[in-house]
Amino acid sequence: MTRKHQLSFMTHAALILLVVLLAFPVYYALVTSTLSFREAYQYPPKMLPGGEFWHNIQDAWIRARFGRLFFNSVFISLVVAAVKIVLSLLAAFAYTHFRFRGAGFLFALSMITQMLPLPVRILPTYELMADFGWINSYYALTVPFFASTTGILLFRQFFLTVPRELSDAARVDGAGPLRYFWQILVPLSRTNIAALFVIEFIFMWSQYLWPLIVTNTADMRVVQIGLKMLIASEQIAPEWNVIMAGTVIAMVPPLVVLVALRKSFAQGIAMQSEK
């Protein structure tokens, strides 16, 4: 028992240390956002909050035009997450409940696209958006992200665990494929839906490179570009207190989504890890 307690203590100590290491940058950003310009450059760095938080928040909000940028980022993240979930559900349902020629090849082909990082696809995707006349529009910011191999794999693996007898029973009761899908499979997938929504919302919220390339007016920029706008010039000392205040503002929506769906998110990830 003593050895077991020692192992448990060491495990908990390691986890606490890991949490401290991961949380320290966030804590330091929060502290810096409460300091004045002079205090932000003080050495050794201050580890206790100051009294300029709301002033820095207001300054960052006005200078970066966060009002419009927030609307763009929230709209893009919600639309992409919602469409990805719907398309992934339908694609996974097709792969698992219908037999058609080339299904295995198409699924393998879709998985291969996971190996292509965004920088590799930027040029052809940009040319496609330009041909459609979608540059500097919400179409360019959302449509290229609608397909999700991660979502297809997530729901496919879950659908394979659903007993086939459930589909047969629904068919006997007169339920067609779509009715079985919407009334039985989708409700059963709610934890997976929540997990994918959190992942895709945060993924889209953190996008910087693609929105920077396909937008050319301030009204179409996103929050991550707004943070870069707070750095006035390389020749001028950055106002880290204001920049960190902007960072705090940018952290709020993903944090709200994660906290609101934390239980379903954890259950969805746990279910996948068990399979």
C-alpha atoms as a PDB file:
ATOM      1  CA  MET A   1       0.000   0.000   0.000  1.00  0.00           C
ATOM      2  CA  THR A   2       2.894   2.331   0.799  1.00  0.00           C
ATOM      3  CA  ARG A   3       4.364   1.835  -2.665  1.00  0.00           C
ATOM      4  CA  LYS A   4       0.933   2.400  -4.200  1.00  0.00           C
ATOM      5  CA  HIS A   5       0.520   5.646  -2.247  1.00  0.00           C
ATOM      6  CA  GLN A   6       3.977   6.803  -3.320  1.00  0.00           C
ATOM      7  CA  LEU A   7       3.159   6.124  -6.963  1.00  0.00           C
ATOM      8  CA  SER A   8      -0.144   7.982  -6.616  1.00  0.00           C
ATOM      9  CA  PHE A   9       1.610  10.919  -4.951  1.00  0.00           C
ATOM     10  CA  MET A  10       4.252  11.115  -7.678  1.00  0.00           C
ATOM     11  CA  THR A  11       1.590  10.929 -10.386  1.00  0.00           C
ATOM     12  CA  HIS A  12      -0.447  13.737  -8.838  1.00  0.00           C
ATOM     13  CA  ALA A  13       2.685  15.828  -8.278  1.00  0.00           C
ATOM     14  CA  ALA A  14       3.687  15.415 -11.929  1.00  0.00           C
ATOM     15  CA  LEU A  15       0.183  16.366 -13.098  1.00  0.00           C
ATOM     16  CA  ILE A  16       0.117  19.444 -10.838  1.00  0.00           C
ATOM     17  CA  LEU A  17       3.533  20.512 -12.127  1.00  0.00           C
ATOM     18  CA  LEU A  18       2.360  20.051 -15.719  1.00  0.00           C
ATOM     19  CA  VAL A  19      -0.764  22.130 -15.068  1.00  0.00           C
ATOM     20  CA  VAL A  20       1.346  24.893 -13.506  1.00  0.00           C
ATOM     21  CA  LEU A  21       3.717  24.924 -16.484  1.00  0.00           C
ATOM     22  CA  LEU A  22       0.831  25.072 -18.973  1.00  0.00           C
ATOM     23  CA  ALA A  23      -1.141  27.685 -17.023  1.00  0.00           C
ATOM     24  CA  PHE A  24       1.764  30.022 -16.262  1.00  0.00           C
ATOM     25  CA  PRO A  25       1.805  31.760 -19.708  1.00  0.00           C
ATOM     26  CA  VAL A  26      -1.941  32.416 -19.380  1.00  0.00           C
ATOM     27  CA  TYR A  27      -1.487  33.750 -15.857  1.00  0.00           C
ATOM     28  CA  TYR A  28       1.378  35.995 -16.966  1.00  0.00           C
ATOM     29  CA  ALA A  29      -0.709  37.336 -19.859  1.00  0.00           C
ATOM     30  CA  LEU A  30      -3.524  38.139 -17.413  1.00  0.00           C
ATOM     31  CA  VAL A  31      -1.111  39.899 -15.043  1.00  0.00           C
ATOM     32  CA  THR A  32       0.526  41.881 -17.854  1.00  0.00           C
ATOM     33  CA  SER A  33      -2.895  43.020 -19.082  1.00  0.00           C
ATOM     34  CA  THR A  34      -3.425  44.733 -15.714  1.00  0.00           C
ATOM     35  CA  LEU A  35      -0.157  46.701 -15.743  1.00  0.00           C
ATOM     36  CA  SER A  36       0.810  50.110 -17.069  1.00  0.00           C
ATOM     37  CA  PHE A  37       3.288  50.504 -19.929  1.00  0.00           C
ATOM     38  CA  ARG A  38       6.155  51.212 -17.510  1.00  0.00           C
ATOM     39  CA  GLU A  39       5.237  48.291 -15.237  1.00  0.00           C
ATOM     40  CA  ALA A  40       5.090  45.895 -18.189  1.00  0.00           C
ATOM     41  CA  TYR A  41       8.795  46.536 -18.848  1.00  0.00           C
ATOM     42  CA  GLN A  42       9.808  46.407 -15.218  1.00  0.00           C
ATOM     43  CA  TYR A  43      12.590  43.971 -14.247  1.00  0.00           C
ATOM     44  CA  PRO A  44      12.206  41.602 -12.545  1.00  0.00           C
ATOM     45  CA  PRO A  45       8.721  41.115 -14.028  1.00  0.00           C
ATOM     46  CA  LYS A  46       5.752  41.760 -11.791  1.00  0.00           C
ATOM     47  CA  MET A  47       3.846  38.635 -10.859  1.00  0.00           C
ATOM     48  CA  LEU A  48       0.946  40.375  -9.109  1.00  0.00           C
ATOM     49  CA  PRO A  49      -1.950  42.151 -10.894  1.00  0.00           C
ATOM     50  CA  GLY A  50      -1.967  45.926 -11.297  1.00  0.00           C
ATOM     51  CA  GLY A  51      -4.800  48.400 -11.601  1.00  0.00           C
ATOM     52  CA  GLU A  52      -4.922  49.177 -15.342  1.00  0.00           C
ATOM     53  CA  PHE A  53      -6.929  46.193 -16.559  1.00  0.00           C
ATOM     54  CA  TRP A  54     -10.111  47.932 -17.715  1.00  0.00           C
ATOM     55  CA  HIS A  55      -8.151  50.820 -19.206  1.00  0.00           C
ATOM     56  CA  ASN A  56      -6.020  48.376 -21.234  1.00  0.00           C
ATOM     57  CA  ILE A  57      -9.097  46.381 -22.290  1.00  0.00           C
ATOM     58  CA  GLN A  58     -10.819  49.528 -23.540  1.00  0.00           C
ATOM     59  CA  ASP A  59      -7.671  50.705 -25.307  1.00  0.00           C
ATOM     60  CA  ALA A  60      -7.195  47.335 -27.060  1.00  0.00           C
ATOM     61  CA  TRP A  61     -10.886  47.126 -28.031  1.00  0.00           C
ATOM     62  CA  ILE A  62     -10.865  50.561 -29.666  1.00  0.00           C
ATOM     63  CA  ARG A  63      -7.461  50.396 -31.346  1.00  0.00           C
ATOM     64  CA  ALA A  64      -8.000  46.955 -32.889  1.00  0.00           C
ATOM     65  CA  ARG A  65     -11.691  47.551 -33.747  1.00  0.00           C
ATOM     66  CA  PHE A  66     -12.540  44.338 -31.944  1.00  0.00           C
ATOM     67  CA  GLY A  67     -16.277  44.886 -32.314  1.00  0.00           C
ATOM     68  CA  ARG A  68     -16.303  44.099 -36.030  1.00  0.00           C
ATOM     69  CA  LEU A  69     -13.515  41.549 -35.754  1.00  0.00           C
ATOM     70  CA  PHE A  70     -15.392  39.675 -33.043  1.00  0.00           C
ATOM     71  CA  PHE A  71     -18.502  39.463 -35.198  1.00  0.00           C
ATOM     72  CA  ASN A  72     -16.466  38.087 -38.105  1.00  0.00           C
ATOM     73  CA  SER A  73     -14.647  35.495 -36.001  1.00  0.00           C
ATOM     74  CA  VAL A  74     -17.767  34.324 -34.162  1.00  0.00           C
ATOM     75  CA  PHE A  75     -19.800  34.116 -37.372  1.00  0.00           C
ATOM     76  CA  ILE A  76     -17.084  32.217 -39.254  1.00  0.00           C
ATOM     77  CA  SER A  77     -16.405  29.821 -36.381  1.00  0.00           C
ATOM     78  CA  LEU A  78     -20.095  29.040 -35.800  1.00  0.00           C
ATOM     79  CA  VAL A  79     -20.907  28.551 -39.491  1.00  0.00           C
ATOM     80  CA  VAL A  80     -17.906  26.331 -40.199  1.00  0.00           C
ATOM     81  CA  ALA A  81     -18.430  24.231 -37.059  1.00  0.00           C
ATOM     82  CA  ALA A  82     -22.145  23.744 -37.792  1.00  0.00           C
ATOM     83  CA  VAL A  83     -21.697  22.867 -41.480  1.00  0.00           C
ATOM     84  CA  LYS A  84     -18.786  20.543 -40.716  1.00  0.00           C
ATOM     85  CA  ILE A  85     -20.880  18.644 -38.199  1.00  0.00           C
ATOM     86  CA  VAL A  86     -23.811  18.216 -40.607  1.00  0.00           C
ATOM     87  CA  LEU A  87     -21.638  17.138 -43.546  1.00  0.00           C
ATOM     88  CA  SER A  88     -19.541  14.825 -41.378  1.00  0.00           C
ATOM     89  CA  LEU A  89     -22.647  13.161 -39.964  1.00  0.00           C
ATOM     90  CA  LEU A  90     -24.097  12.590 -43.432  1.00  0.00           C
ATOM     91  CA  ALA A  91     -20.812  11.322 -44.875  1.00  0.00           C
ATOM     92  CA  ALA A  92     -20.214   8.957 -41.953  1.00  0.00           C
ATOM     93  CA  PHE A  93     -23.784   7.669 -42.271  1.00  0.00           C
ATOM     94  CA  ALA A  94     -23.259   6.993 -45.967  1.00  0.00           C
ATOM     95  CA  TYR A  95     -19.985   5.137 -45.333  1.00  0.00           C
ATOM     96  CA  THR A  96     -21.428   2.911 -42.605  1.00  0.00           C
ATOM     97  CA  HIS A  97     -25.039   2.234 -43.663  1.00  0.00           C
ATOM     98  CA  PHE A  98     -24.904   2.072 -47.462  1.00  0.00           C
ATOM     99  CA  ARG A  99     -22.944  -0.249 -49.687  1.00  0.00           C
ATOM    100  CA  PHE A 100     -21.682   1.308 -52.894  1.00  0.00           C
ATOM    101  CA  ARG A 101     -18.783   0.701 -55.223  1.00  0.00           C
ATOM    102  CA  GLY A 102     -15.577   2.508 -54.274  1.00  0.00           C
ATOM    103  CA  ALA A 103     -16.605   3.311 -50.705  1.00  0.00           C
ATOM    104  CA  GLY A 104     -13.338   2.038 -49.246  1.00  0.00           C
ATOM    105  CA  PHE A 105     -11.279   3.913 -51.826  1.00  0.00           C
ATOM    106  CA  LEU A 106     -13.166   7.164 -51.260  1.00  0.00           C
ATOM    107  CA  PHE A 107     -12.780   6.875 -47.500  1.00  0.00           C
ATOM    108  CA  ALA A 108      -9.038   6.200 -47.812  1.00  0.00           C
ATOM    109  CA  LEU A 109      -8.719   9.130 -50.220  1.00  0.00           C
ATOM    110  CA  SER A 110     -10.451  11.455 -47.786  1.00  0.00           C
ATOM    111  CA  MET A 111      -8.120  10.311 -44.991  1.00  0.00           C
ATOM    112  CA  ILE A 112      -5.080  11.035 -47.155  1.00  0.00           C
ATOM    113  CA  THR A 113      -6.081  14.707 -47.255  1.00  0.00           C
ATOM    114  CA  GLN A 114      -5.142  14.833 -43.557  1.00  0.00           C
ATOM    115  CA  MET A 115      -1.527  14.605 -44.676  1.00  0.00           C
ATOM    116  CA  LEU A 116      -1.765  17.875 -46.617  1.00  0.00           C
ATOM    117  CA  PRO A 117      -1.175  20.855 -44.301  1.00  0.00           C
ATOM    118  CA  LEU A 118      -2.815  24.193 -45.008  1.00  0.00           C
ATOM    119  CA  PRO A 119       0.311  25.875 -46.511  1.00  0.00           C
ATOM    120  CA  VAL A 120       0.426  23.177 -49.205  1.00  0.00           C
ATOM    121  CA  ARG A 121      -3.172  23.920 -50.216  1.00  0.00           C
ATOM    122  CA  ILE A 122      -3.068  27.704 -49.972  1.00  0.00           C
ATOM    123  CA  LEU A 123      -2.127  28.524 -53.585  1.00  0.00           C
ATOM    124  CA  PRO A 124      -4.678  26.273 -55.384  1.00  0.00           C
ATOM    125  CA  THR A 125      -7.384  27.170 -52.869  1.00  0.00           C
ATOM    126  CA  TYR A 126      -6.687  30.884 -53.292  1.00  0.00           C
ATOM    127  CA  GLU A 127      -6.825  30.566 -57.084  1.00  0.00           C
ATOM    128  CA  LEU A 128     -10.156  28.750 -56.777  1.00  0.00           C
ATOM    129  CA  MET A 129     -11.564  31.496 -54.548  1.00  0.00           C
ATOM    130  CA  ALA A 130     -10.337  34.115 -57.023  1.00  0.00           C
ATOM    131  CA  ASP A 131     -11.973  32.283 -59.955  1.00  0.00           C
ATOM    132  CA  PHE A 132     -15.266  32.271 -58.034  1.00  0.00           C
ATOM    133  CA  GLY A 133     -14.897  35.961 -57.184  1.00  0.00           C
ATOM    134  CA  TRP A 134     -14.997  35.203 -53.470  1.00  0.00           C
ATOM    135  CA  ILE A 135     -11.857  37.069 -52.365  1.00  0.00           C
ATOM    136  CA  ASN A 136     -12.576  39.326 -49.367  1.00  0.00           C
ATOM    137  CA  SER A 137     -15.888  37.637 -48.614  1.00  0.00           C
ATOM    138  CA  TYR A 138     -17.364  35.294 -46.033  1.00  0.00           C
ATOM    139  CA  TYR A 139     -17.491  32.575 -48.693  1.00  0.00           C
ATOM    140  CA  ALA A 140     -13.690  32.495 -48.900  1.00  0.00           C
ATOM    141  CA  LEU A 141     -13.407  32.473 -45.121  1.00  0.00           C
ATOM    142  CA  THR A 142     -15.812  29.570 -44.601  1.00  0.00           C
ATOM    143  CA  VAL A 143     -16.381  27.316 -47.639  1.00  0.00           C
ATOM    144  CA  PRO A 144     -12.795  25.904 -47.895  1.00  0.00           C
ATOM    145  CA  PHE A 145     -13.161  24.566 -44.339  1.00  0.00           C
ATOM    146  CA  PHE A 146     -16.543  22.870 -44.685  1.00  0.00           C
ATOM    147  CA  ALA A 147     -15.148  19.378 -45.356  1.00  0.00           C
ATOM    148  CA  SER A 148     -13.704  17.633 -42.295  1.00  0.00           C
ATOM    149  CA  THR A 149     -11.981  14.260 -42.444  1.00  0.00           C
ATOM    150  CA  THR A 150     -11.621  14.444 -38.667  1.00  0.00           C
ATOM    151  CA  GLY A 151     -15.385  14.697 -38.279  1.00  0.00           C
ATOM    152  CA  ILE A 152     -16.041  11.888 -40.761  1.00  0.00           C
ATOM    153  CA  LEU A 153     -13.650   9.583 -38.921  1.00  0.00           C
ATOM    154  CA  LEU A 154     -15.095  10.553 -35.535  1.00  0.00           C
ATOM    155  CA  PHE A 155     -18.700   9.804 -36.485  1.00  0.00           C
ATOM    156  CA  ARG A 156     -17.857   6.786 -38.636  1.00  0.00           C
ATOM    157  CA  GLN A 157     -16.113   5.070 -35.745  1.00  0.00           C
ATOM    158  CA  PHE A 158     -19.084   5.788 -33.508  1.00  0.00           C
ATOM    159  CA  PHE A 159     -21.688   4.608 -36.033  1.00  0.00           C
ATOM    160  CA  LEU A 160     -19.803   1.311 -36.394  1.00  0.00           C
ATOM    161  CA  THR A 161     -20.413   0.648 -32.695  1.00  0.00           C
ATOM    162  CA  VAL A 162     -24.195   1.066 -33.012  1.00  0.00           C
ATOM    163  CA  PRO A 163     -25.829  -2.395 -33.192  1.00  0.00           C
ATOM    164  CA  ARG A 164     -27.095  -3.271 -36.643  1.00  0.00           C
ATOM    165  CA  GLU A 165     -30.255  -4.619 -35.015  1.00  0.00           C
ATOM    166  CA  LEU A 166     -31.246  -1.048 -34.160  1.00  0.00           C
ATOM    167  CA  SER A 167     -31.352  -0.168 -37.854  1.00  0.00           C
ATOM    168  CA  ASP A 168     -33.299  -3.324 -38.632  1.00  0.00           C
ATOM    169  CA  ALA A 169     -35.826  -2.570 -35.893  1.00  0.00           C
ATOM    170  CA  ALA A 170     -36.302   0.966 -37.225  1.00  0.00           C
ATOM    171  CA  ARG A 171     -36.862  -0.415 -40.725  1.00  0.00           C
ATOM    172  CA  VAL A 172     -39.476  -2.862 -39.422  1.00  0.00           C
ATOM    173  CA  ASP A 173     -41.272   0.055 -37.742  1.00  0.00           C
ATOM    174  CA  GLY A 174     -41.439   1.846 -41.087  1.00  0.00           C
ATOM    175  CA  ALA A 175     -38.596   4.317 -40.558  1.00  0.00           C
ATOM    176  CA  GLY A 176     -36.623   5.139 -43.690  1.00  0.00           C
ATOM    177  CA  PRO A 177     -32.863   5.775 -43.689  1.00  0.00           C
ATOM    178  CA  LEU A 178     -33.135   9.533 -43.115  1.00  0.00           C
ATOM    179  CA  ARG A 179     -35.680   9.151 -40.341  1.00  0.00           C
ATOM    180  CA  TYR A 180     -33.465   6.570 -38.639  1.00  0.00           C
ATOM    181  CA  PHE A 181     -30.519   8.922 -39.074  1.00  0.00           C
ATOM    182  CA  TRP A 182     -32.152  12.073 -37.654  1.00  0.00           C
ATOM    183  CA  GLN A 183     -34.275  10.502 -34.916  1.00  0.00           C
ATOM    184  CA  ILE A 184     -31.916   7.799 -33.641  1.00  0.00           C
ATOM    185  CA  LEU A 185     -28.296   8.210 -34.747  1.00  0.00           C
ATOM    186  CA  VAL A 186     -28.036  11.994 -34.332  1.00  0.00           C
ATOM    187  CA  PRO A 187     -29.400  12.015 -30.730  1.00  0.00           C
ATOM    188  CA  LEU A 188     -27.034   9.161 -29.866  1.00  0.00           C
ATOM    189  CA  SER A 189     -24.146  11.214 -31.275  1.00  0.00           C
ATOM    190  CA  ARG A 190     -24.692  14.316 -29.135  1.00  0.00           C
ATOM    191  CA  THR A 191     -21.465  13.897 -27.134  1.00  0.00           C
ATOM    192  CA  ASN A 192     -19.461  13.415 -30.338  1.00  0.00           C
ATOM    193  CA  ILE A 193     -21.203  16.429 -31.856  1.00  0.00           C
ATOM    194  CA  ALA A 194     -20.248  18.537 -28.833  1.00  0.00           C
ATOM    195  CA  ALA A 195     -16.644  17.324 -29.006  1.00  0.00           C
ATOM    196  CA  LEU A 196     -16.349  18.120 -32.712  1.00  0.00           C
ATOM    197  CA  PHE A 197     -18.037  21.506 -32.240  1.00  0.00           C
ATOM    198  CA  VAL A 198     -15.505  22.515 -29.576  1.00  0.00           C
ATOM    199  CA  ILE A 199     -12.569  21.330 -31.693  1.00  0.00           C
ATOM    200  CA  GLU A 200     -13.723  23.047 -34.878  1.00  0.00           C
ATOM    201  CA  PHE A 201     -14.816  26.278 -33.169  1.00  0.00           C
ATOM    202  CA  ILE A 202     -11.420  26.703 -31.512  1.00  0.00           C
ATOM    203  CA  PHE A 203      -9.650  25.695 -34.740  1.00  0.00           C
ATOM    204  CA  MET A 204     -11.468  28.327 -36.770  1.00  0.00           C
ATOM    205  CA  TRP A 205     -11.161  30.959 -34.041  1.00  0.00           C
ATOM    206  CA  SER A 206      -7.378  30.613 -34.083  1.00  0.00           C
ATOM    207  CA  GLN A 207      -7.042  30.973 -37.871  1.00  0.00           C
ATOM    208  CA  TYR A 208      -4.613  33.708 -38.904  1.00  0.00           C
ATOM    209  CA  LEU A 209      -2.806  32.866 -42.155  1.00  0.00           C
ATOM    210  CA  TRP A 210      -5.796  32.110 -44.402  1.00  0.00           C
ATOM    211  CA  PRO A 211      -7.914  35.147 -43.334  1.00  0.00           C
ATOM    212  CA  LEU A 212      -4.841  37.352 -43.782  1.00  0.00           C
ATOM    213  CA  ILE A 213      -4.425  36.138 -47.374  1.00  0.00           C
ATOM    214  CA  VAL A 214      -8.029  36.178 -48.608  1.00  0.00           C
ATOM    215  CA  THR A 215      -9.142  39.465 -47.011  1.00  0.00           C
ATOM    216  CA  ASN A 216      -7.941  42.923 -47.965  1.00  0.00           C
ATOM    217  CA  THR A 217     -10.206  45.286 -46.019  1.00  0.00           C
ATOM    218  CA  ALA A 218     -10.401  45.974 -42.285  1.00  0.00           C
ATOM    219  CA  ASP A 219     -14.111  45.049 -42.164  1.00  0.00           C
ATOM    220  CA  MET A 220     -13.363  41.439 -43.160  1.00  0.00           C
ATOM    221  CA  ARG A 221     -10.460  40.832 -40.788  1.00  0.00           C
ATOM    222  CA  VAL A 222     -10.663  38.456 -37.808  1.00  0.00           C
ATOM    223  CA  VAL A 223      -9.626  38.693 -34.172  1.00  0.00           C
ATOM    224  CA  GLN A 224      -6.206  37.095 -34.645  1.00  0.00           C
ATOM    225  CA  ILE A 225      -5.278  39.742 -37.207  1.00  0.00           C
ATOM    226  CA  GLY A 226      -6.549  42.402 -34.795  1.00  0.00           C
ATOM    227  CA  LEU A 227      -3.999  41.240 -32.230  1.00  0.00           C
ATOM    228  CA  LYS A 228      -1.229  41.792 -34.782  1.00  0.00           C
ATOM    229  CA  MET A 229      -2.607  45.278 -35.431  1.00  0.00           C
ATOM    230  CA  LEU A 230      -1.917  46.174 -31.784  1.00  0.00           C
ATOM    231  CA  ILE A 231       1.806  45.970 -32.510  1.00  0.00           C
ATOM    232  CA  ALA A 232       2.194  49.425 -34.020  1.00  0.00           C
ATOM    233  CA  SER A 233       5.678  49.162 -35.503  1.00  0.00           C
ATOM    234  CA  GLU A 234       8.964  47.330 -35.130  1.00  0.00           C
ATOM    235  CA  GLN A 235      10.655  50.671 -34.425  1.00  0.00           C
ATOM    236  CA  ILE A 236       8.370  51.423 -31.463  1.00  0.00           C
ATOM    237  CA  ALA A 237       8.445  49.462 -28.224  1.00  0.00           C
ATOM    238  CA  PRO A 238       5.324  47.247 -28.170  1.00  0.00           C
ATOM    239  CA  GLU A 239       2.748  48.090 -25.542  1.00  0.00           C
ATOM    240  CA  TRP A 240       2.634  44.603 -24.087  1.00  0.00           C
ATOM    241  CA  ASN A 241       0.045  45.581 -21.518  1.00  0.00           C
ATOM    242  CA  VAL A 242      -2.410  46.507 -24.292  1.00  0.00           C
ATOM    243  CA  ILE A 243      -1.414  43.523 -26.449  1.00  0.00           C
ATOM    244  CA  MET A 244      -1.997  41.129 -23.545  1.00  0.00           C
ATOM    245  CA  ALA A 245      -5.346  42.821 -22.867  1.00  0.00           C
ATOM    246  CA  GLY A 246      -6.290  42.102 -26.479  1.00  0.00           C
ATOM    247  CA  THR A 247      -5.134  38.507 -25.992  1.00  0.00           C
ATOM    248  CA  VAL A 248      -7.383  38.188 -22.949  1.00  0.00           C
ATOM    249  CA  ILE A 249     -10.315  39.482 -25.006  1.00  0.00           C
ATOM    250  CA  ALA A 250      -9.552  36.939 -27.756  1.00  0.00           C
ATOM    251  CA  MET A 251      -9.477  34.081 -25.242  1.00  0.00           C
ATOM    252  CA  VAL A 252     -13.013  34.688 -23.960  1.00  0.00           C
ATOM    253  CA  PRO A 253     -15.224  33.078 -26.697  1.00  0.00           C
ATOM    254  CA  PRO A 254     -13.248  29.791 -26.985  1.00  0.00           C
ATOM    255  CA  LEU A 255     -13.131  29.603 -23.198  1.00  0.00           C
ATOM    256  CA  VAL A 256     -16.898  30.118 -22.959  1.00  0.00           C
ATOM    257  CA  VAL A 257     -17.540  27.382 -25.542  1.00  0.00           C
ATOM    258  CA  LEU A 258     -15.149  24.981 -23.808  1.00  0.00           C
ATOM    259  CA  VAL A 259     -16.621  25.602 -20.356  1.00  0.00           C
ATOM    260  CA  ALA A 260     -20.209  25.354 -21.602  1.00  0.00           C
ATOM    261  CA  LEU A 261     -19.588  22.025 -23.378  1.00  0.00           C
ATOM    262  CA  ARG A 262     -16.816  20.636 -21.185  1.00  0.00           C
ATOM    263  CA  LYS A 263     -18.770  17.589 -19.956  1.00  0.00           C
ATOM    264  CA  SER A 264     -19.986  16.533 -23.394  1.00  0.00           C
ATOM    265  CA  PHE A 265     -16.555  17.284 -24.856  1.00  0.00           C
ATOM    266  CA  ALA A 266     -14.805  15.092 -22.284  1.00  0.00           C
ATOM    267  CA  GLN A 267     -17.333  12.282 -22.768  1.00  0.00           C
ATOM    268  CA  GLY A 268     -16.980  12.421 -26.548  1.00  0.00           C
ATOM    269  CA  ILE A 269     -13.171  12.268 -26.397  1.00  0.00           C
ATOM    270  CA  ALA A 270     -13.302   9.483 -23.802  1.00  0.00           C
ATOM    271  CA  MET A 271     -15.658   7.433 -25.980  1.00  0.00           C
ATOM    272  CA  GLN A 272     -13.265   7.672 -28.918  1.00  0.00           C
ATOM    273  CA  SER A 273     -10.243   6.739 -26.802  1.00  0.00           C
ATOM    274  CA  GLU A 274     -12.017   3.586 -25.618  1.00  0.00           C
ATOM    275  CA  LYS A 275     -12.689   2.338 -29.136  1.00  0.00           C
END
